[in-house]
């Protein structure tokens, strides 16, 4: 790169060279590049001085390339294509990628959605890796800083710079262990209302800030929905005797004690099918909770993260 012609060359002039080569007209070359005719003429003058050649001369059919221009043309066009490919986002191919994807999800999401996602993921991307993280106090900060690619859950608020994609809806159902004395004569809601209640309390409600985490960054998860479900017109907020970090802990406790809990319906129904739980539909239930995936907005339209979100949508459609 010690050639004086190259050292003094503005590489943007090569785009003008190619446009003139293709269009044969300063006016059409300007339209192609979004420049005025005078700007094209000025750039051509600079290019002529840099390369010590006229490059284009007027002829019956417009600007005609000189012999030097024709000699330069293949190398210039190839170089411009290489530069365009270098600065453009590479095309993502799941079949060959060895990329690692990092996703934050609760135990409930892992049980309900992840089996379907994982099957699709490794069928399409056999050489890739998928790492599922729990949702602790730093999940929003981890997403913002690029430590994770996506966070799956229910959210009340999503800030600018992040994109929310809806996946599915979920409802709650009250659950007690199979054979519970309160349902010996039928599922009487009045009897259930007097029981001690277990509630899921997310770890980010309890865990102090870590790793210098910036406060939730405007990405706010749904609070517990237990208070939105009622027994015979009475809220259950005053009946919460035990809080645990996830739905599976609740499931284990309720199936082996005389406590009652509100569980996500899909999870509760899987335990009910194994005859571990008895389920009671709540009266006048609130609207279903919406579950979705949050990603950085810069990666929501194309590339590997957008591909992953598409797989999640396909998996959720089966629920």
Protein backbone atom coordinates (compact mmCIF):
# COMPACT_ATOMS: atom_id res chain seq x y z
CA UNK A 1 0.00 0.00 0.00
CA UNK A 2 2.94 2.37 -0.63
CA UNK A 3 1.76 3.24 -4.14
CA UNK A 4 1.13 7.02 -4.17
CA UNK A 5 -1.98 6.58 -6.30
CA UNK A 6 -3.54 4.39 -3.61
CA UNK A 7 -2.35 6.46 -0.63
CA UNK A 8 -4.01 9.58 -2.02
CA UNK A 9 -7.16 7.88 -3.24
CA UNK A 10 -10.53 8.53 -1.60
CA UNK A 11 -12.13 5.08 -1.75
CA UNK A 12 -15.58 6.65 -2.09
CA UNK A 13 -14.48 7.74 -5.56
CA UNK A 14 -14.46 4.10 -6.61
CA UNK A 15 -18.23 4.00 -6.11
CA UNK A 16 -18.50 6.92 -8.52
CA UNK A 17 -16.22 5.10 -10.94
CA UNK A 18 -18.41 2.00 -10.89
CA UNK A 19 -21.62 4.03 -11.28
CA UNK A 20 -20.21 5.84 -14.31
CA UNK A 21 -19.02 2.56 -15.75
CA UNK A 22 -22.53 1.05 -15.44
CA UNK A 23 -24.63 4.10 -16.33
CA UNK A 24 -22.42 5.90 -18.90
CA UNK A 25 -23.89 9.21 -17.72
CA UNK A 26 -23.06 11.62 -14.88
CA UNK A 27 -26.77 12.33 -14.41
CA UNK A 28 -27.76 8.68 -14.12
CA UNK A 29 -24.70 7.87 -11.98
CA UNK A 30 -25.74 10.67 -9.63
CA UNK A 31 -29.28 9.30 -9.39
CA UNK A 32 -27.84 5.85 -8.66
CA UNK A 33 -25.73 7.17 -5.78
CA UNK A 34 -28.04 9.93 -4.56
CA UNK A 35 -25.63 12.66 -5.68
CA UNK A 36 -26.00 15.69 -7.94
CA UNK A 37 -24.53 15.78 -11.44
CA UNK A 38 -22.04 18.43 -10.33
CA UNK A 39 -20.92 16.24 -7.41
CA UNK A 40 -20.34 13.36 -9.82
CA UNK A 41 -18.35 15.61 -12.16
CA UNK A 42 -16.28 16.91 -9.25
CA UNK A 43 -15.56 13.35 -8.05
CA UNK A 44 -14.58 12.27 -11.57
CA UNK A 45 -12.14 15.18 -11.74
CA UNK A 46 -10.51 14.10 -8.48
CA UNK A 47 -10.33 10.52 -9.68
CA UNK A 48 -8.72 11.58 -12.96
CA UNK A 49 -6.04 13.53 -11.08
CA UNK A 50 -5.40 10.64 -8.69
CA UNK A 51 -5.00 8.06 -11.47
CA UNK A 52 -3.47 10.30 -14.15
CA UNK A 53 -6.03 9.25 -16.75
CA UNK A 54 -9.25 10.66 -18.22
CA UNK A 55 -11.04 7.36 -17.41
CA UNK A 56 -14.23 8.44 -19.26
CA UNK A 57 -14.55 10.48 -22.45
CA UNK A 58 -17.63 11.70 -24.21
CA UNK A 59 -18.84 9.62 -27.14
CA UNK A 60 -22.02 9.23 -29.25
CA UNK A 61 -23.65 7.04 -26.57
CA UNK A 62 -22.52 9.06 -23.56
CA UNK A 63 -19.42 8.64 -21.39
CA UNK A 64 -17.16 5.91 -22.70
CA UNK A 65 -14.48 4.23 -20.54
CA UNK A 66 -10.87 4.58 -21.60
CA UNK A 67 -8.57 1.57 -21.90
CA UNK A 68 -7.24 2.29 -18.41
CA UNK A 69 -10.79 2.35 -17.03
CA UNK A 70 -11.60 -0.95 -18.71
CA UNK A 71 -8.46 -2.46 -17.20
CA UNK A 72 -9.43 -1.20 -13.74
CA UNK A 73 -13.10 -2.15 -13.92
CA UNK A 74 -12.98 -5.89 -12.94
CA UNK A 75 -10.69 -5.28 -9.95
CA UNK A 76 -12.67 -2.25 -8.74
CA UNK A 77 -16.02 -4.01 -8.99
CA UNK A 78 -14.67 -7.08 -7.18
CA UNK A 79 -13.15 -4.91 -4.45
CA UNK A 80 -16.42 -3.03 -3.92
CA UNK A 81 -18.35 -6.28 -3.60
CA UNK A 82 -15.83 -7.55 -1.04
CA UNK A 83 -16.11 -4.32 0.94
CA UNK A 84 -19.91 -4.49 0.84
CA UNK A 85 -19.84 -8.07 2.12
CA UNK A 86 -17.37 -7.13 4.86
CA UNK A 87 -19.51 -4.33 6.30
CA UNK A 88 -22.87 -6.04 5.79
CA UNK A 89 -24.39 -8.30 8.43
CA UNK A 90 -23.44 -11.88 7.58
CA UNK A 91 -26.27 -14.18 6.57
CA UNK A 92 -27.15 -16.50 9.41
CA UNK A 93 -27.28 -20.19 8.52
CA UNK A 94 -28.54 -22.35 11.42
CA UNK A 95 -27.42 -25.55 9.68
CA UNK A 96 -23.74 -24.65 10.03
CA UNK A 97 -23.61 -22.18 12.92
CA UNK A 98 -21.67 -23.06 16.05
CA UNK A 99 -23.03 -20.06 17.92
CA UNK A 100 -24.10 -20.33 21.55
CA UNK A 101 -27.53 -18.94 22.42
CA UNK A 102 -28.22 -17.78 25.98
CA UNK A 103 -31.82 -17.53 27.19
CA UNK A 104 -33.24 -16.54 30.59
CA UNK A 105 -36.34 -18.49 31.58
CA UNK A 106 -38.18 -19.62 34.69
CA UNK A 107 -38.58 -23.26 35.67
CA UNK A 108 -42.18 -23.07 34.47
CA UNK A 109 -41.11 -21.86 31.01
CA UNK A 110 -38.48 -24.59 30.90
CA UNK A 111 -41.12 -27.23 31.60
CA UNK A 112 -43.83 -25.94 29.28
CA UNK A 113 -42.08 -24.34 26.30
CA UNK A 114 -38.48 -25.52 26.25
CA UNK A 115 -39.01 -29.18 25.27
CA UNK A 116 -40.71 -28.07 22.06
CA UNK A 117 -38.12 -25.35 21.46
CA UNK A 118 -35.16 -27.64 22.08
CA UNK A 119 -36.43 -30.22 19.59
CA UNK A 120 -36.74 -27.59 16.86
CA UNK A 121 -33.47 -25.92 17.82
CA UNK A 122 -31.23 -28.96 17.42
CA UNK A 123 -33.04 -30.23 14.35
CA UNK A 124 -32.28 -26.93 12.61
CA UNK A 125 -28.92 -26.10 14.23
CA UNK A 126 -27.18 -29.38 15.19
CA UNK A 127 -23.80 -27.70 15.80
CA UNK A 128 -25.12 -24.82 17.89
CA UNK A 129 -25.37 -24.65 21.68
CA UNK A 130 -28.25 -23.52 23.87
CA UNK A 131 -27.77 -22.38 27.46
CA UNK A 132 -30.82 -21.73 29.65
CA UNK A 133 -30.30 -19.41 32.63
CA UNK A 134 -32.60 -18.81 35.57
CA UNK A 135 -34.16 -15.37 35.94
CA UNK A 136 -32.37 -13.76 38.86
CA UNK A 137 -32.11 -10.13 39.87
CA UNK A 138 -29.84 -9.22 36.95
CA UNK A 139 -31.89 -10.55 34.03
CA UNK A 140 -32.61 -7.11 32.53
CA UNK A 141 -29.01 -5.99 32.89
CA UNK A 142 -27.77 -9.27 31.39
CA UNK A 143 -30.01 -8.75 28.36
CA UNK A 144 -29.01 -5.12 27.90
CA UNK A 145 -25.30 -5.89 28.09
CA UNK A 146 -25.53 -8.86 25.72
CA UNK A 147 -24.80 -11.55 28.30
CA UNK A 148 -28.04 -13.23 27.25
CA UNK A 149 -29.89 -13.12 23.93
CA UNK A 150 -33.48 -13.33 25.16
CA UNK A 151 -35.64 -13.36 28.29
CA UNK A 152 -38.88 -15.36 28.30
CA UNK A 153 -41.71 -14.63 30.74
CA UNK A 154 -44.60 -12.33 31.56
CA UNK A 155 -43.84 -8.61 31.52
CA UNK A 156 -45.73 -5.51 32.59
CA UNK A 157 -43.35 -3.08 30.92
CA UNK A 158 -40.73 -3.22 28.16
CA UNK A 159 -38.42 -0.21 27.66
CA UNK A 160 -37.13 1.44 24.51
CA UNK A 161 -34.24 -0.48 23.06
CA UNK A 162 -35.92 -3.83 23.70
CA UNK A 163 -38.56 -5.68 21.68
CA UNK A 164 -41.38 -7.84 23.05
CA UNK A 165 -42.78 -10.75 21.01
CA UNK A 166 -45.93 -12.47 22.26
CA UNK A 167 -45.76 -16.27 22.60
CA UNK A 168 -48.83 -17.59 24.44
CA UNK A 169 -51.33 -16.98 27.25
CA UNK A 170 -51.64 -18.76 30.58
CA UNK A 171 -54.30 -18.96 33.28
CA UNK A 172 -54.12 -19.98 36.91
CA UNK A 173 -55.84 -22.85 38.67
CA UNK A 174 -56.05 -23.65 42.38
CA UNK A 175 -54.46 -26.96 43.38
CA UNK A 176 -54.41 -29.23 46.41
CA UNK A 177 -53.03 -32.71 46.81
CA UNK A 178 -55.09 -35.61 45.58
CA UNK A 179 -57.16 -36.98 48.46
CA UNK A 180 -57.10 -33.70 50.39
CA UNK A 181 -59.79 -33.74 53.15
CA UNK A 182 -61.10 -30.36 51.98
CA UNK A 183 -62.33 -31.92 48.75
CA UNK A 184 -63.57 -35.20 50.15
CA UNK A 185 -67.17 -34.10 49.54
CA UNK A 186 -66.40 -32.07 46.40
CA UNK A 187 -64.28 -29.03 45.71
CA UNK A 188 -65.91 -26.52 48.01
CA UNK A 189 -64.25 -23.14 47.51
CA UNK A 190 -65.24 -22.06 51.01
CA UNK A 191 -63.15 -24.93 52.45
CA UNK A 192 -60.16 -24.09 50.31
CA UNK A 193 -60.33 -20.46 51.39
CA UNK A 194 -59.38 -21.45 54.91
CA UNK A 195 -56.18 -23.29 53.97
CA UNK A 196 -52.62 -22.05 54.21
CA UNK A 197 -51.44 -20.88 50.82
CA UNK A 198 -48.12 -21.26 49.01
CA UNK A 199 -47.04 -18.47 46.64
CA UNK A 200 -44.24 -18.23 44.11
CA UNK A 201 -42.04 -15.25 44.76
CA UNK A 202 -39.45 -14.54 42.09
CA UNK A 203 -35.81 -14.35 43.12
CA UNK A 204 -35.45 -10.82 41.75
CA UNK A 205 -37.89 -9.66 44.42
CA UNK A 206 -35.59 -11.01 47.13
CA UNK A 207 -32.05 -10.94 45.79
CA UNK A 208 -29.99 -7.75 46.33
CA UNK A 209 -28.29 -6.03 43.43
CA UNK A 210 -25.30 -7.93 42.07
CA UNK A 211 -22.49 -7.23 39.61
CA UNK A 212 -23.40 -3.55 39.62
CA UNK A 213 -26.75 -4.29 38.02
CA UNK A 214 -28.65 -1.24 36.85
CA UNK A 215 -32.18 -1.25 38.32
CA UNK A 216 -34.44 -3.31 36.02
CA UNK A 217 -33.85 -0.81 33.15
CA UNK A 218 -37.60 -0.44 32.69
CA UNK A 219 -38.08 -4.14 31.96
CA UNK A 220 -40.59 -5.17 34.61
CA UNK A 221 -41.85 -8.70 35.12
CA UNK A 222 -45.41 -9.49 36.02
CA UNK A 223 -45.90 -9.52 39.76
CA UNK A 224 -47.49 -12.57 41.35
CA UNK A 225 -51.00 -13.10 40.08
CA UNK A 226 -52.34 -14.85 43.19
CA UNK A 227 -54.06 -11.71 44.44
CA UNK A 228 -56.07 -11.49 41.23
CA UNK A 229 -57.77 -14.82 41.91
CA UNK A 230 -60.43 -15.10 44.61
CA UNK A 231 -62.18 -17.63 46.79
CA UNK A 232 -65.85 -16.80 47.36
CA UNK A 233 -65.26 -13.09 46.92
CA UNK A 234 -62.29 -12.93 49.28
CA UNK A 235 -58.74 -12.23 48.15
CA UNK A 236 -56.07 -14.61 49.30
CA UNK A 237 -53.33 -12.07 50.05
CA UNK A 238 -53.80 -12.48 53.81
CA UNK A 239 -53.60 -16.28 53.55
CA UNK A 240 -50.10 -16.56 52.09
CA UNK A 241 -48.16 -18.56 54.65
CA UNK A 242 -45.22 -19.68 52.53
CA UNK A 243 -43.33 -18.22 49.57
CA UNK A 244 -41.02 -20.25 47.35
CA UNK A 245 -38.82 -19.34 44.35
CA UNK A 246 -40.51 -21.35 41.59
CA UNK A 247 -43.59 -23.28 40.54
CA UNK A 248 -41.91 -26.67 40.88
CA UNK A 249 -41.22 -26.04 44.56
CA UNK A 250 -44.89 -25.12 44.95
CA UNK A 251 -45.92 -28.25 43.10
CA UNK A 252 -43.85 -30.51 45.36
CA UNK A 253 -45.04 -28.87 48.56
CA UNK A 254 -48.72 -28.83 47.68
CA UNK A 255 -48.68 -32.45 46.52
CA UNK A 256 -47.32 -33.56 49.92
CA UNK A 257 -49.06 -31.21 52.39
CA UNK A 258 -52.50 -29.82 53.10
CA UNK A 259 -51.64 -26.40 51.68
CA UNK A 260 -53.28 -24.82 48.62
CA UNK A 261 -51.60 -22.94 45.78
CA UNK A 262 -52.33 -21.16 42.57
CA UNK A 263 -50.36 -22.79 39.76
CA UNK A 264 -50.02 -22.14 36.03
CA UNK A 265 -52.66 -24.32 34.44
CA UNK A 266 -50.41 -26.21 32.03
CA UNK A 267 -48.02 -27.18 34.81
CA UNK A 268 -50.81 -28.13 37.21
CA UNK A 269 -52.58 -30.25 34.61
CA UNK A 270 -49.44 -32.31 34.02
CA UNK A 271 -49.32 -33.16 37.74
CA UNK A 272 -53.07 -33.76 37.83
CA UNK A 273 -52.72 -36.27 35.01
CA UNK A 274 -50.37 -38.24 37.26
CA UNK A 275 -53.01 -38.14 40.01
CA UNK A 276 -50.86 -36.07 42.31
CA UNK A 277 -53.11 -33.00 42.42
CA UNK A 278 -56.76 -32.06 42.40
CA UNK A 279 -57.54 -28.86 40.48
CA UNK A 280 -60.24 -26.31 41.23
CA UNK A 281 -61.19 -23.65 38.71
CA UNK A 282 -61.33 -20.18 40.26
CA UNK A 283 -64.60 -18.23 40.16
CA UNK A 284 -64.55 -15.08 38.01
CA UNK A 285 -60.92 -15.48 36.94
CA UNK A 286 -58.99 -12.45 35.63
CA UNK A 287 -57.82 -12.26 32.00
CA UNK A 288 -55.06 -14.70 31.06
CA UNK A 289 -51.47 -13.67 31.67
CA UNK A 290 -49.47 -13.01 28.51
CA UNK A 291 -46.14 -14.75 28.09
CA UNK A 292 -43.58 -13.49 25.61
CA UNK A 293 -39.90 -13.11 24.78
CA UNK A 294 -37.90 -9.90 25.11
CA UNK A 295 -34.81 -9.26 23.00
CA UNK A 296 -32.63 -6.28 22.17
CA UNK A 297 -34.38 -4.19 19.52
CA UNK A 298 -31.25 -4.15 17.34
CA UNK A 299 -31.53 -7.93 16.89
CA UNK A 300 -35.29 -8.31 16.51
CA UNK A 301 -35.61 -8.16 12.71
CA UNK A 302 -32.89 -10.42 11.33
CA UNK A 303 -30.01 -12.67 12.26
CA UNK A 304 -29.60 -15.46 14.80
CA UNK A 305 -31.70 -13.96 17.61
CA UNK A 306 -34.62 -13.30 15.28
CA UNK A 307 -34.33 -16.92 14.12
CA UNK A 308 -34.46 -18.11 17.74
CA UNK A 309 -37.56 -16.01 18.43
CA UNK A 310 -39.20 -17.55 15.37
CA UNK A 311 -38.53 -21.02 16.78
CA UNK A 312 -40.10 -19.96 20.08
CA UNK A 313 -43.21 -18.75 18.28
CA UNK A 314 -43.51 -22.05 16.44
CA UNK A 315 -43.06 -24.00 19.68
CA UNK A 316 -45.63 -21.83 21.49
CA UNK A 317 -48.16 -22.40 18.71
CA UNK A 318 -48.27 -26.08 19.75
CA UNK A 319 -49.27 -25.33 23.35
